[in-house]
Amino acid sequence: MLELIDEASRVLRTPPPEFDFENPPEDPKEIEKNLASAMEQFGGIGLSANQVGLNYRVFVMRTADQGIVAFFNPEITKVSQDTDLMKEGCLSFPDLYLMIKRSKEIEFKYQDAEGEEHTLYLNGLGARCVQHECDHLNGILFLQRASRLKLERALKVRPKERRKRIEYEQRMAYARAIAERESNQNAELDNGDGIEESNRVVQESQTS
């Protein structure tokens, strides 16, 4: 399983080379599959290859119609002048959130896992995610998109955000454990184990 590299690594600050479909260093479909699995494991909506130490120009992103898709050699070709300011996080920098200004609409070209070229127009969250991931592939961190003052404030509250996340994860783990236990109990009843035990107790009481 792929793992996120340390946030201080130079890999995050070094643009990877374009993926060569003529002489692929690795099966692009396997790259897509592995990046998609890692993204789901880490709970993101997008993930760039260099975030997990792969020196390929590709990222994966969750789409509305195709699930998680890989975008090889992406290049943003047009951006709107209209922008919006939204809070962003990054899997490479857990518990750090910054208000980042980005274009509302973009057009970009890319190759799919088959090497076929496409051009896609996106707006809203999809456009923001592509801009974030393309920044990664250009060696640009979202920290660099924020002012020094905003970054200092975000770093100051980072420990608090971490505590909140850990508490949330603990609550979710407890809830899953309760649900699993109830599911197992229901399964035992459905299999007749509980009824058989009850009948045995009744029979013993009748014979004593």
N, C-alpha and C. Protein backbone atom coordinates (compact mmCIF):
# COMPACT_ATOMS: atom_id res chain seq x y z
N MET A 1 0.84 -1.20 0.00
CA MET A 1 0.00 0.00 0.00
C MET A 1 0.88 1.25 0.00
N LEU A 2 0.50 2.23 -0.81
CA LEU A 2 1.25 3.48 -0.88
C LEU A 2 1.06 4.27 0.41
N GLU A 3 2.10 5.01 0.78
CA GLU A 3 2.05 5.83 1.98
C GLU A 3 2.40 7.27 1.65
N LEU A 4 1.80 8.20 2.37
CA LEU A 4 2.12 9.61 2.19
C LEU A 4 3.54 9.88 2.66
N ILE A 5 4.28 10.64 1.88
CA ILE A 5 5.63 10.99 2.29
C ILE A 5 5.59 12.16 3.26
N ASP A 6 6.67 12.37 3.97
CA ASP A 6 6.74 13.42 4.98
C ASP A 6 6.57 14.80 4.34
N GLU A 7 5.88 15.68 5.06
CA GLU A 7 5.59 17.01 4.52
C GLU A 7 6.84 17.84 4.27
N ALA A 8 7.94 17.50 4.91
CA ALA A 8 9.18 18.25 4.72
C ALA A 8 10.00 17.75 3.53
N SER A 9 9.57 16.66 2.90
CA SER A 9 10.35 16.06 1.82
C SER A 9 10.48 16.99 0.62
N ARG A 10 11.64 16.96 0.00
CA ARG A 10 11.88 17.75 -1.21
C ARG A 10 11.07 17.21 -2.39
N VAL A 11 10.63 15.97 -2.29
CA VAL A 11 9.84 15.39 -3.38
C VAL A 11 8.59 16.21 -3.64
N LEU A 12 7.98 16.73 -2.57
CA LEU A 12 6.76 17.54 -2.73
C LEU A 12 7.05 18.87 -3.41
N ARG A 13 8.30 19.25 -3.42
CA ARG A 13 8.68 20.55 -3.98
C ARG A 13 9.40 20.40 -5.31
N THR A 14 9.42 19.18 -5.85
CA THR A 14 10.10 18.90 -7.12
C THR A 14 9.10 18.38 -8.15
N PRO A 15 8.89 19.10 -9.25
CA PRO A 15 7.93 18.64 -10.26
C PRO A 15 8.39 17.33 -10.90
N PRO A 16 7.51 16.32 -10.93
CA PRO A 16 7.87 15.07 -11.61
C PRO A 16 7.82 15.23 -13.13
N PRO A 17 8.52 14.38 -13.87
CA PRO A 17 8.52 14.47 -15.34
C PRO A 17 7.21 13.95 -15.91
N GLU A 18 6.95 14.30 -17.16
CA GLU A 18 5.76 13.80 -17.83
C GLU A 18 5.80 12.28 -17.94
N PHE A 19 4.63 11.69 -17.88
CA PHE A 19 4.54 10.24 -18.01
C PHE A 19 4.67 9.87 -19.48
N ASP A 20 5.58 8.96 -19.78
CA ASP A 20 5.87 8.56 -21.16
C ASP A 20 5.05 7.33 -21.52
N PHE A 21 4.01 7.54 -22.31
CA PHE A 21 3.16 6.41 -22.71
C PHE A 21 3.82 5.55 -23.78
N GLU A 22 4.83 6.09 -24.47
CA GLU A 22 5.55 5.30 -25.46
C GLU A 22 6.43 4.25 -24.79
N ASN A 23 7.04 4.65 -23.68
CA ASN A 23 7.88 3.72 -22.90
C ASN A 23 7.48 3.84 -21.42
N PRO A 24 6.32 3.34 -21.07
CA PRO A 24 5.82 3.52 -19.70
C PRO A 24 6.70 2.81 -18.67
N PRO A 25 7.09 3.52 -17.62
CA PRO A 25 7.92 2.91 -16.57
C PRO A 25 7.11 1.93 -15.72
N GLU A 26 5.78 2.04 -15.81
CA GLU A 26 4.88 1.18 -15.04
C GLU A 26 3.53 1.18 -15.74
N ASP A 27 2.76 0.12 -15.56
CA ASP A 27 1.45 0.04 -16.17
C ASP A 27 0.58 1.18 -15.66
N PRO A 28 0.14 2.11 -16.54
CA PRO A 28 -0.65 3.26 -16.09
C PRO A 28 -1.96 2.86 -15.42
N LYS A 29 -2.53 1.72 -15.81
CA LYS A 29 -3.76 1.27 -15.16
C LYS A 29 -3.51 0.83 -13.72
N GLU A 30 -2.33 0.25 -13.49
CA GLU A 30 -1.97 -0.12 -12.13
C GLU A 30 -1.72 1.13 -11.28
N ILE A 31 -1.10 2.14 -11.90
CA ILE A 31 -0.88 3.40 -11.19
C ILE A 31 -2.22 4.01 -10.78
N GLU A 32 -3.16 4.02 -11.72
CA GLU A 32 -4.49 4.54 -11.45
C GLU A 32 -5.15 3.78 -10.30
N LYS A 33 -5.08 2.46 -10.36
CA LYS A 33 -5.69 1.62 -9.32
C LYS A 33 -5.06 1.87 -7.96
N ASN A 34 -3.72 1.92 -7.91
CA ASN A 34 -3.03 2.08 -6.63
C ASN A 34 -3.24 3.47 -6.04
N LEU A 35 -3.23 4.50 -6.89
CA LEU A 35 -3.47 5.85 -6.40
C LEU A 35 -4.91 6.00 -5.90
N ALA A 36 -5.85 5.38 -6.61
CA ALA A 36 -7.25 5.45 -6.19
C ALA A 36 -7.44 4.78 -4.83
N SER A 37 -6.81 3.63 -4.64
CA SER A 37 -6.91 2.92 -3.36
C SER A 37 -6.31 3.75 -2.23
N ALA A 38 -5.16 4.38 -2.52
CA ALA A 38 -4.51 5.20 -1.50
C ALA A 38 -5.37 6.42 -1.16
N MET A 39 -5.95 7.04 -2.17
CA MET A 39 -6.78 8.21 -1.93
C MET A 39 -7.96 7.88 -1.04
N GLU A 40 -8.59 6.74 -1.30
CA GLU A 40 -9.72 6.33 -0.48
C GLU A 40 -9.27 6.01 0.94
N GLN A 41 -8.13 5.35 1.06
CA GLN A 41 -7.61 5.02 2.39
C GLN A 41 -7.35 6.27 3.21
N PHE A 42 -6.80 7.32 2.56
CA PHE A 42 -6.46 8.54 3.28
C PHE A 42 -7.65 9.48 3.42
N GLY A 43 -8.75 9.19 2.71
CA GLY A 43 -9.95 10.01 2.85
C GLY A 43 -9.91 11.31 2.10
N GLY A 44 -9.24 11.33 0.93
CA GLY A 44 -9.17 12.56 0.15
C GLY A 44 -10.12 12.56 -1.02
N ILE A 45 -10.20 13.69 -1.71
CA ILE A 45 -10.97 13.77 -2.95
C ILE A 45 -10.04 13.90 -4.14
N GLY A 46 -8.74 14.02 -3.86
CA GLY A 46 -7.74 14.08 -4.91
C GLY A 46 -6.39 13.68 -4.32
N LEU A 47 -5.51 13.14 -5.17
CA LEU A 47 -4.18 12.73 -4.71
C LEU A 47 -3.22 12.72 -5.89
N SER A 48 -2.09 13.39 -5.71
CA SER A 48 -1.06 13.42 -6.75
C SER A 48 0.00 12.36 -6.48
N ALA A 49 0.59 11.86 -7.56
CA ALA A 49 1.55 10.76 -7.45
C ALA A 49 2.73 11.12 -6.55
N ASN A 50 3.23 12.36 -6.66
CA ASN A 50 4.41 12.71 -5.86
C ASN A 50 4.10 12.82 -4.37
N GLN A 51 2.82 12.88 -4.00
CA GLN A 51 2.47 12.88 -2.57
C GLN A 51 2.76 11.53 -1.92
N VAL A 52 2.81 10.49 -2.73
CA VAL A 52 3.12 9.15 -2.22
C VAL A 52 4.45 8.65 -2.77
N GLY A 53 5.28 9.59 -3.22
CA GLY A 53 6.63 9.26 -3.63
C GLY A 53 6.79 8.68 -5.03
N LEU A 54 5.74 8.75 -5.86
CA LEU A 54 5.84 8.26 -7.24
C LEU A 54 6.25 9.41 -8.15
N ASN A 55 7.29 9.21 -8.93
CA ASN A 55 7.83 10.27 -9.77
C ASN A 55 7.14 10.29 -11.14
N TYR A 56 5.82 10.43 -11.10
CA TYR A 56 5.02 10.47 -12.33
C TYR A 56 4.14 11.72 -12.31
N ARG A 57 3.93 12.28 -13.48
CA ARG A 57 3.03 13.45 -13.58
C ARG A 57 1.60 12.96 -13.77
N VAL A 58 0.95 12.65 -12.66
CA VAL A 58 -0.42 12.13 -12.70
C VAL A 58 -1.07 12.35 -11.34
N PHE A 59 -2.36 12.60 -11.36
CA PHE A 59 -3.12 12.64 -10.11
C PHE A 59 -4.44 11.92 -10.32
N VAL A 60 -5.06 11.52 -9.23
CA VAL A 60 -6.41 10.94 -9.29
C VAL A 60 -7.37 11.87 -8.57
N MET A 61 -8.63 11.82 -9.00
CA MET A 61 -9.65 12.67 -8.42
C MET A 61 -10.99 11.96 -8.52
N ARG A 62 -11.83 12.16 -7.52
CA ARG A 62 -13.17 11.59 -7.56
C ARG A 62 -14.05 12.43 -8.47
N THR A 63 -14.71 11.77 -9.43
CA THR A 63 -15.60 12.46 -10.35
C THR A 63 -17.04 12.04 -10.09
N ALA A 64 -17.98 12.85 -10.59
CA ALA A 64 -19.40 12.59 -10.34
C ALA A 64 -19.93 11.42 -11.15
N ASP A 65 -19.34 11.18 -12.33
CA ASP A 65 -19.91 10.18 -13.23
C ASP A 65 -19.05 8.93 -13.43
N GLN A 66 -17.75 9.01 -13.13
CA GLN A 66 -16.87 7.88 -13.40
C GLN A 66 -16.14 7.34 -12.17
N GLY A 67 -16.49 7.84 -11.00
CA GLY A 67 -15.76 7.42 -9.81
C GLY A 67 -14.39 8.08 -9.76
N ILE A 68 -13.40 7.35 -9.27
CA ILE A 68 -12.05 7.89 -9.16
C ILE A 68 -11.30 7.66 -10.47
N VAL A 69 -10.78 8.74 -11.05
CA VAL A 69 -10.15 8.70 -12.37
C VAL A 69 -8.74 9.27 -12.28
N ALA A 70 -7.83 8.71 -13.08
CA ALA A 70 -6.46 9.23 -13.15
C ALA A 70 -6.34 10.20 -14.31
N PHE A 71 -5.60 11.29 -14.07
CA PHE A 71 -5.35 12.32 -15.09
C PHE A 71 -3.84 12.42 -15.28
N PHE A 72 -3.36 11.88 -16.39
CA PHE A 72 -1.94 11.88 -16.69
C PHE A 72 -1.56 13.14 -17.47
N ASN A 73 -0.39 13.68 -17.14
CA ASN A 73 0.16 14.84 -17.82
C ASN A 73 -0.85 15.99 -17.94
N PRO A 74 -1.48 16.37 -16.84
CA PRO A 74 -2.49 17.43 -16.92
C PRO A 74 -1.84 18.80 -17.15
N GLU A 75 -2.57 19.63 -17.87
CA GLU A 75 -2.11 21.00 -18.11
C GLU A 75 -3.32 21.91 -18.17
N ILE A 76 -3.36 22.88 -17.27
CA ILE A 76 -4.46 23.85 -17.27
C ILE A 76 -4.23 24.84 -18.40
N THR A 77 -5.20 24.95 -19.29
CA THR A 77 -5.05 25.79 -20.48
C THR A 77 -5.80 27.11 -20.38
N LYS A 78 -6.87 27.15 -19.59
CA LYS A 78 -7.64 28.39 -19.41
C LYS A 78 -8.15 28.47 -17.98
N VAL A 79 -8.18 29.69 -17.45
CA VAL A 79 -8.77 29.92 -16.12
C VAL A 79 -9.67 31.15 -16.21
N SER A 80 -10.72 31.15 -15.42
CA SER A 80 -11.63 32.30 -15.40
C SER A 80 -11.03 33.42 -14.56
N GLN A 81 -11.46 34.64 -14.86
CA GLN A 81 -11.05 35.77 -14.05
C GLN A 81 -11.82 35.80 -12.73
N ASP A 82 -13.00 35.18 -12.73
CA ASP A 82 -13.79 35.09 -11.50
C ASP A 82 -13.12 34.11 -10.55
N THR A 83 -12.95 34.53 -9.32
CA THR A 83 -12.32 33.67 -8.31
C THR A 83 -13.22 33.56 -7.09
N ASP A 84 -12.91 32.59 -6.26
CA ASP A 84 -13.56 32.52 -4.96
C ASP A 84 -12.54 32.09 -3.91
N LEU A 85 -12.89 32.35 -2.67
CA LEU A 85 -12.01 32.07 -1.54
C LEU A 85 -12.64 30.97 -0.72
N MET A 86 -11.93 29.85 -0.59
CA MET A 86 -12.45 28.71 0.17
C MET A 86 -11.37 28.10 1.04
N LYS A 87 -11.81 27.45 2.10
CA LYS A 87 -10.87 26.76 2.98
C LYS A 87 -10.41 25.47 2.33
N GLU A 88 -9.11 25.27 2.30
CA GLU A 88 -8.53 24.06 1.72
C GLU A 88 -7.68 23.33 2.76
N GLY A 89 -7.67 22.00 2.62
CA GLY A 89 -6.75 21.18 3.37
C GLY A 89 -5.91 20.38 2.38
N CYS A 90 -5.00 19.60 2.89
CA CYS A 90 -4.14 18.80 2.03
C CYS A 90 -3.72 17.54 2.77
N LEU A 91 -3.81 16.39 2.11
CA LEU A 91 -3.42 15.14 2.74
C LEU A 91 -1.97 15.14 3.19
N SER A 92 -1.14 15.90 2.49
CA SER A 92 0.28 15.95 2.84
C SER A 92 0.55 16.81 4.07
N PHE A 93 -0.44 17.65 4.45
CA PHE A 93 -0.29 18.54 5.60
C PHE A 93 -1.53 18.39 6.49
N PRO A 94 -1.66 17.25 7.17
CA PRO A 94 -2.86 16.99 7.97
C PRO A 94 -3.08 18.05 9.04
N ASP A 95 -4.36 18.37 9.26
CA ASP A 95 -4.79 19.29 10.32
C ASP A 95 -4.36 20.73 10.07
N LEU A 96 -4.06 21.05 8.82
CA LEU A 96 -3.70 22.42 8.46
C LEU A 96 -4.69 22.90 7.39
N TYR A 97 -5.38 24.00 7.68
CA TYR A 97 -6.41 24.50 6.77
C TYR A 97 -6.18 25.97 6.50
N LEU A 98 -6.29 26.33 5.21
CA LEU A 98 -6.02 27.70 4.78
C LEU A 98 -7.08 28.18 3.81
N MET A 99 -7.40 29.46 3.88
CA MET A 99 -8.29 30.08 2.90
C MET A 99 -7.47 30.39 1.66
N ILE A 100 -7.85 29.77 0.54
CA ILE A 100 -7.08 29.90 -0.70
C ILE A 100 -7.98 30.45 -1.81
N LYS A 101 -7.45 31.43 -2.53
CA LYS A 101 -8.19 32.00 -3.67
C LYS A 101 -7.82 31.24 -4.94
N ARG A 102 -8.84 30.79 -5.68
CA ARG A 102 -8.60 30.09 -6.95
C ARG A 102 -9.67 30.50 -7.96
N SER A 103 -9.38 30.23 -9.23
CA SER A 103 -10.35 30.51 -10.29
C SER A 103 -11.56 29.60 -10.15
N LYS A 104 -12.74 30.14 -10.43
CA LYS A 104 -13.97 29.36 -10.31
C LYS A 104 -14.10 28.33 -11.43
N GLU A 105 -13.56 28.66 -12.62
CA GLU A 105 -13.71 27.78 -13.77
C GLU A 105 -12.36 27.59 -14.45
N ILE A 106 -12.16 26.37 -14.96
CA ILE A 106 -10.91 26.09 -15.67
C ILE A 106 -11.19 25.19 -16.88
N GLU A 107 -10.23 25.18 -17.77
CA GLU A 107 -10.19 24.20 -18.86
C GLU A 107 -8.82 23.55 -18.79
N PHE A 108 -8.76 22.23 -18.88
CA PHE A 108 -7.45 21.58 -18.86
C PHE A 108 -7.46 20.36 -19.77
N LYS A 109 -6.27 20.02 -20.22
CA LYS A 109 -6.11 18.84 -21.06
C LYS A 109 -5.29 17.81 -20.31
N TYR A 110 -5.50 16.55 -20.66
CA TYR A 110 -4.82 15.46 -19.96
C TYR A 110 -4.91 14.20 -20.82
N GLN A 111 -4.23 13.16 -20.37
CA GLN A 111 -4.33 11.84 -20.98
C GLN A 111 -4.91 10.87 -19.95
N ASP A 112 -5.75 9.96 -20.43
CA ASP A 112 -6.29 8.95 -19.52
C ASP A 112 -5.31 7.78 -19.42
N ALA A 113 -5.70 6.74 -18.69
CA ALA A 113 -4.81 5.60 -18.45
C ALA A 113 -4.49 4.84 -19.73
N GLU A 114 -5.26 5.08 -20.79
CA GLU A 114 -4.99 4.45 -22.09
C GLU A 114 -4.07 5.30 -22.95
N GLY A 115 -3.77 6.50 -22.47
CA GLY A 115 -2.93 7.42 -23.24
C GLY A 115 -3.72 8.32 -24.16
N GLU A 116 -5.05 8.21 -24.15
CA GLU A 116 -5.89 9.04 -25.00
C GLU A 116 -5.96 10.46 -24.44
N GLU A 117 -5.91 11.45 -25.35
CA GLU A 117 -5.94 12.85 -24.92
C GLU A 117 -7.37 13.36 -24.81
N HIS A 118 -7.60 14.20 -23.81
CA HIS A 118 -8.92 14.78 -23.57
C HIS A 118 -8.77 16.23 -23.16
N THR A 119 -9.84 17.00 -23.34
CA THR A 119 -9.94 18.35 -22.81
C THR A 119 -11.21 18.42 -21.98
N LEU A 120 -11.10 18.99 -20.80
CA LEU A 120 -12.23 18.99 -19.87
C LEU A 120 -12.42 20.38 -19.29
N TYR A 121 -13.69 20.76 -19.20
CA TYR A 121 -14.06 22.03 -18.57
C TYR A 121 -14.68 21.72 -17.21
N LEU A 122 -14.24 22.42 -16.18
CA LEU A 122 -14.76 22.19 -14.85
C LEU A 122 -15.01 23.51 -14.13
N ASN A 123 -15.96 23.48 -13.20
CA ASN A 123 -16.16 24.62 -12.32
C ASN A 123 -16.38 24.13 -10.90
N GLY A 124 -16.46 25.05 -9.97
CA GLY A 124 -16.73 24.70 -8.59
C GLY A 124 -15.62 23.89 -7.94
N LEU A 125 -16.03 22.89 -7.12
CA LEU A 125 -15.08 22.10 -6.36
C LEU A 125 -14.14 21.30 -7.26
N GLY A 126 -14.67 20.80 -8.40
CA GLY A 126 -13.82 20.05 -9.33
C GLY A 126 -12.69 20.90 -9.87
N ALA A 127 -13.00 22.15 -10.23
CA ALA A 127 -11.97 23.06 -10.74
C ALA A 127 -10.93 23.36 -9.67
N ARG A 128 -11.38 23.54 -8.44
CA ARG A 128 -10.47 23.82 -7.33
C ARG A 128 -9.55 22.63 -7.08
N CYS A 129 -10.11 21.43 -7.12
CA CYS A 129 -9.31 20.24 -6.87
C CYS A 129 -8.24 20.07 -7.93
N VAL A 130 -8.59 20.28 -9.21
CA VAL A 130 -7.61 20.16 -10.29
C VAL A 130 -6.49 21.18 -10.11
N GLN A 131 -6.84 22.40 -9.74
CA GLN A 131 -5.81 23.43 -9.53
C GLN A 131 -4.88 23.03 -8.38
N HIS A 132 -5.46 22.48 -7.32
CA HIS A 132 -4.65 22.04 -6.17
C HIS A 132 -3.69 20.92 -6.57
N GLU A 133 -4.21 19.93 -7.32
CA GLU A 133 -3.37 18.79 -7.70
C GLU A 133 -2.32 19.18 -8.74
N CYS A 134 -2.69 20.05 -9.66
CA CYS A 134 -1.70 20.52 -10.64
C CYS A 134 -0.59 21.31 -9.95
N ASP A 135 -0.94 22.05 -8.91
CA ASP A 135 0.09 22.73 -8.12
C ASP A 135 1.07 21.69 -7.57
N HIS A 136 0.55 20.61 -7.02
CA HIS A 136 1.42 19.55 -6.50
C HIS A 136 2.40 19.08 -7.58
N LEU A 137 1.86 18.84 -8.77
CA LEU A 137 2.69 18.31 -9.85
C LEU A 137 3.67 19.35 -10.40
N ASN A 138 3.45 20.61 -10.03
CA ASN A 138 4.38 21.67 -10.40
C ASN A 138 5.30 22.03 -9.24
N GLY A 139 5.26 21.23 -8.18
CA GLY A 139 6.12 21.47 -7.03
C GLY A 139 5.68 22.64 -6.16
N ILE A 140 4.40 23.04 -6.30
CA ILE A 140 3.87 24.18 -5.54
C ILE A 140 2.96 23.65 -4.42
N LEU A 141 3.20 24.08 -3.21
CA LEU A 141 2.39 23.68 -2.06
C LEU A 141 1.29 24.70 -1.81
N PHE A 142 0.16 24.23 -1.29
CA PHE A 142 -0.93 25.17 -1.06
C PHE A 142 -0.57 26.21 -0.01
N LEU A 143 0.45 25.91 0.80
CA LEU A 143 0.95 26.88 1.77
C LEU A 143 1.43 28.15 1.07
N GLN A 144 1.98 27.98 -0.13
CA GLN A 144 2.53 29.11 -0.87
C GLN A 144 1.45 30.01 -1.46
N ARG A 145 0.21 29.55 -1.45
CA ARG A 145 -0.91 30.34 -1.97
C ARG A 145 -1.53 31.23 -0.91
N ALA A 146 -1.07 31.10 0.34
CA ALA A 146 -1.63 31.88 1.44
C ALA A 146 -0.63 32.93 1.90
N SER A 147 -1.15 33.98 2.52
CA SER A 147 -0.27 35.01 3.06
C SER A 147 0.48 34.48 4.27
N ARG A 148 1.55 35.14 4.61
CA ARG A 148 2.35 34.73 5.76
C ARG A 148 1.52 34.79 7.04
N LEU A 149 0.67 35.81 7.16
CA LEU A 149 -0.15 35.97 8.36
C LEU A 149 -1.15 34.82 8.49
N LYS A 150 -1.81 34.46 7.37
CA LYS A 150 -2.77 33.36 7.40
C LYS A 150 -2.09 32.04 7.72
N LEU A 151 -0.90 31.85 7.18
CA LEU A 151 -0.17 30.62 7.44
C LEU A 151 0.23 30.53 8.92
N GLU A 152 0.69 31.62 9.48
CA GLU A 152 1.08 31.62 10.90
C GLU A 152 -0.11 31.31 11.79
N ARG A 153 -1.28 31.86 11.46
CA ARG A 153 -2.49 31.60 12.24
C ARG A 153 -2.89 30.13 12.13
N ALA A 154 -2.81 29.59 10.91
CA ALA A 154 -3.19 28.18 10.70
C ALA A 154 -2.25 27.25 11.45
N LEU A 155 -0.96 27.57 11.46
CA LEU A 155 0.01 26.74 12.18
C LEU A 155 -0.23 26.81 13.68
N LYS A 156 -0.68 27.95 14.17
CA LYS A 156 -0.93 28.12 15.60
C LYS A 156 -2.09 27.24 16.07
N VAL A 157 -3.13 27.10 15.25
CA VAL A 157 -4.30 26.31 15.66
C VAL A 157 -4.20 24.85 15.20
N ARG A 158 -3.11 24.50 14.54
CA ARG A 158 -2.96 23.13 14.04
C ARG A 158 -3.06 22.07 15.13
N PRO A 159 -2.42 22.25 16.29
CA PRO A 159 -2.57 21.24 17.35
C PRO A 159 -4.02 21.04 17.78
N LYS A 160 -4.80 22.13 17.83
CA LYS A 160 -6.21 22.03 18.19
C LYS A 160 -6.97 21.25 17.14
N GLU A 161 -6.68 21.50 15.86
CA GLU A 161 -7.33 20.77 14.78
C GLU A 161 -6.98 19.29 14.85
N ARG A 162 -5.75 19.00 15.23
CA ARG A 162 -5.33 17.60 15.36
C ARG A 162 -6.12 16.90 16.46
N ARG A 163 -6.28 17.56 17.60
CA ARG A 163 -7.04 16.97 18.70
C ARG A 163 -8.49 16.71 18.29
N LYS A 164 -9.07 17.66 17.57
CA LYS A 164 -10.45 17.50 17.10
C LYS A 164 -10.56 16.30 16.18
N ARG A 165 -9.58 16.15 15.28
CA ARG A 165 -9.61 15.03 14.34
C ARG A 165 -9.48 13.69 15.07
N ILE A 166 -8.56 13.63 16.03
CA ILE A 166 -8.36 12.38 16.77
C ILE A 166 -9.61 12.02 17.56
N GLU A 167 -10.23 13.01 18.19
CA GLU A 167 -11.46 12.75 18.93
C GLU A 167 -12.57 12.25 18.02
N TYR A 168 -12.67 12.86 16.83
CA TYR A 168 -13.68 12.43 15.86
C TYR A 168 -13.41 11.00 15.40
N GLU A 169 -12.15 10.68 15.11
CA GLU A 169 -11.80 9.33 14.67
C GLU A 169 -12.10 8.30 15.75
N GLN A 170 -11.87 8.67 17.01
CA GLN A 170 -12.16 7.77 18.12
C GLN A 170 -13.66 7.52 18.24
N ARG A 171 -14.46 8.58 18.09
CA ARG A 171 -15.92 8.42 18.15
C ARG A 171 -16.41 7.53 17.01
N MET A 172 -15.86 7.74 15.82
CA MET A 172 -16.27 6.94 14.67
C MET A 172 -15.88 5.48 14.85
N ALA A 173 -14.69 5.24 15.40
CA ALA A 173 -14.24 3.86 15.64
C ALA A 173 -15.15 3.18 16.66
N TYR A 174 -15.54 3.91 17.70
CA TYR A 174 -16.45 3.36 18.72
C TYR A 174 -17.80 3.04 18.11
N ALA A 175 -18.32 3.96 17.28
CA ALA A 175 -19.61 3.75 16.63
C ALA A 175 -19.57 2.53 15.71
N ARG A 176 -18.45 2.37 14.97
CA ARG A 176 -18.31 1.21 14.09
C ARG A 176 -18.27 -0.09 14.89
N ALA A 177 -17.58 -0.06 16.03
CA ALA A 177 -17.48 -1.26 16.88
C ALA A 177 -18.85 -1.65 17.41
N ILE A 178 -19.65 -0.66 17.84
CA ILE A 178 -21.00 -0.93 18.33
C ILE A 178 -21.87 -1.51 17.22
N ALA A 179 -21.78 -0.89 16.03
CA ALA A 179 -22.58 -1.37 14.90
C ALA A 179 -22.20 -2.79 14.50
N GLU A 180 -20.90 -3.08 14.54
CA GLU A 180 -20.43 -4.42 14.18
C GLU A 180 -20.91 -5.46 15.20
N ARG A 181 -20.86 -5.09 16.47
CA ARG A 181 -21.31 -6.01 17.52
C ARG A 181 -22.81 -6.30 17.39
N GLU A 182 -23.60 -5.24 17.12
CA GLU A 182 -25.04 -5.44 16.94
C GLU A 182 -25.33 -6.29 15.71
N SER A 183 -24.54 -6.07 14.65
CA SER A 183 -24.72 -6.85 13.43
C SER A 183 -24.43 -8.32 13.67
N ASN A 184 -23.37 -8.59 14.46
CA ASN A 184 -23.02 -9.98 14.77
C ASN A 184 -24.09 -10.64 15.64
N GLN A 185 -24.65 -9.88 16.58
CA GLN A 185 -25.70 -10.41 17.43
C GLN A 185 -26.95 -10.74 16.62
N ASN A 186 -27.28 -9.84 15.69
CA ASN A 186 -28.45 -10.09 14.83
C ASN A 186 -28.23 -11.30 13.95
N ALA A 187 -26.98 -11.46 13.47
CA ALA A 187 -26.67 -12.61 12.62
C ALA A 187 -26.82 -13.91 13.39
N GLU A 188 -26.42 -13.90 14.66
CA GLU A 188 -26.56 -15.10 15.49
C GLU A 188 -28.03 -15.46 15.69
N LEU A 189 -28.85 -14.44 15.89
CA LEU A 189 -30.29 -14.69 16.06
C LEU A 189 -30.90 -15.22 14.77
N ASP A 190 -30.47 -14.64 13.64
CA ASP A 190 -30.99 -15.09 12.34
C ASP A 190 -30.60 -16.53 12.06
N ASN A 191 -29.45 -16.95 12.58
CA ASN A 191 -29.00 -18.33 12.37
C ASN A 191 -29.65 -19.32 13.33
N GLY A 192 -30.43 -18.81 14.25
CA GLY A 192 -31.15 -19.68 15.17
C GLY A 192 -30.39 -20.01 16.43
N ASP A 193 -29.18 -19.45 16.59
CA ASP A 193 -28.39 -19.78 17.77
C ASP A 193 -29.09 -19.32 19.05
N GLY A 194 -29.62 -18.12 19.00
CA GLY A 194 -30.28 -17.60 20.18
C GLY A 194 -31.54 -18.38 20.52
N ILE A 195 -32.31 -18.78 19.48
CA ILE A 195 -33.54 -19.53 19.70
C ILE A 195 -33.23 -20.89 20.27
N GLU A 196 -32.18 -21.52 19.74
CA GLU A 196 -31.81 -22.86 20.20
C GLU A 196 -31.44 -22.82 21.67
N GLU A 197 -30.69 -21.80 22.07
CA GLU A 197 -30.29 -21.68 23.47
C GLU A 197 -31.51 -21.47 24.36
N SER A 198 -32.45 -20.63 23.89
CA SER A 198 -33.66 -20.37 24.66
C SER A 198 -34.48 -21.64 24.83
N ASN A 199 -34.62 -22.42 23.75
CA ASN A 199 -35.39 -23.65 23.81
C ASN A 199 -34.75 -24.64 24.78
N ARG A 200 -33.42 -24.71 24.77
CA ARG A 200 -32.71 -25.64 25.66
C ARG A 200 -32.98 -25.28 27.11
N VAL A 201 -32.97 -23.99 27.42
CA VAL A 201 -33.23 -23.54 28.78
C VAL A 201 -34.65 -23.91 29.20
N VAL A 202 -35.62 -23.72 28.29
CA VAL A 202 -37.02 -24.05 28.59
C VAL A 202 -37.17 -25.54 28.85
N GLN A 203 -36.55 -26.38 28.00
CA GLN A 203 -36.65 -27.83 28.14
C GLN A 203 -36.07 -28.28 29.47
N GLU A 204 -34.93 -27.69 29.85
CA GLU A 204 -34.30 -28.07 31.11
C GLU A 204 -35.19 -27.71 32.30
N SER A 205 -35.86 -26.56 32.23
CA SER A 205 -36.72 -26.16 33.32
C SER A 205 -37.96 -27.04 33.45
N GLN A 206 -38.42 -27.57 32.31
CA GLN A 206 -39.60 -28.43 32.31
C GLN A 206 -39.29 -29.83 32.89
N THR A 207 -38.05 -30.26 32.76
CA THR A 207 -37.69 -31.60 33.20
C THR A 207 -37.18 -31.60 34.64
N SER A 208 -37.00 -30.47 35.25
CA SER A 208 -36.43 -30.43 36.60
C SER A 208 -37.53 -30.31 37.67
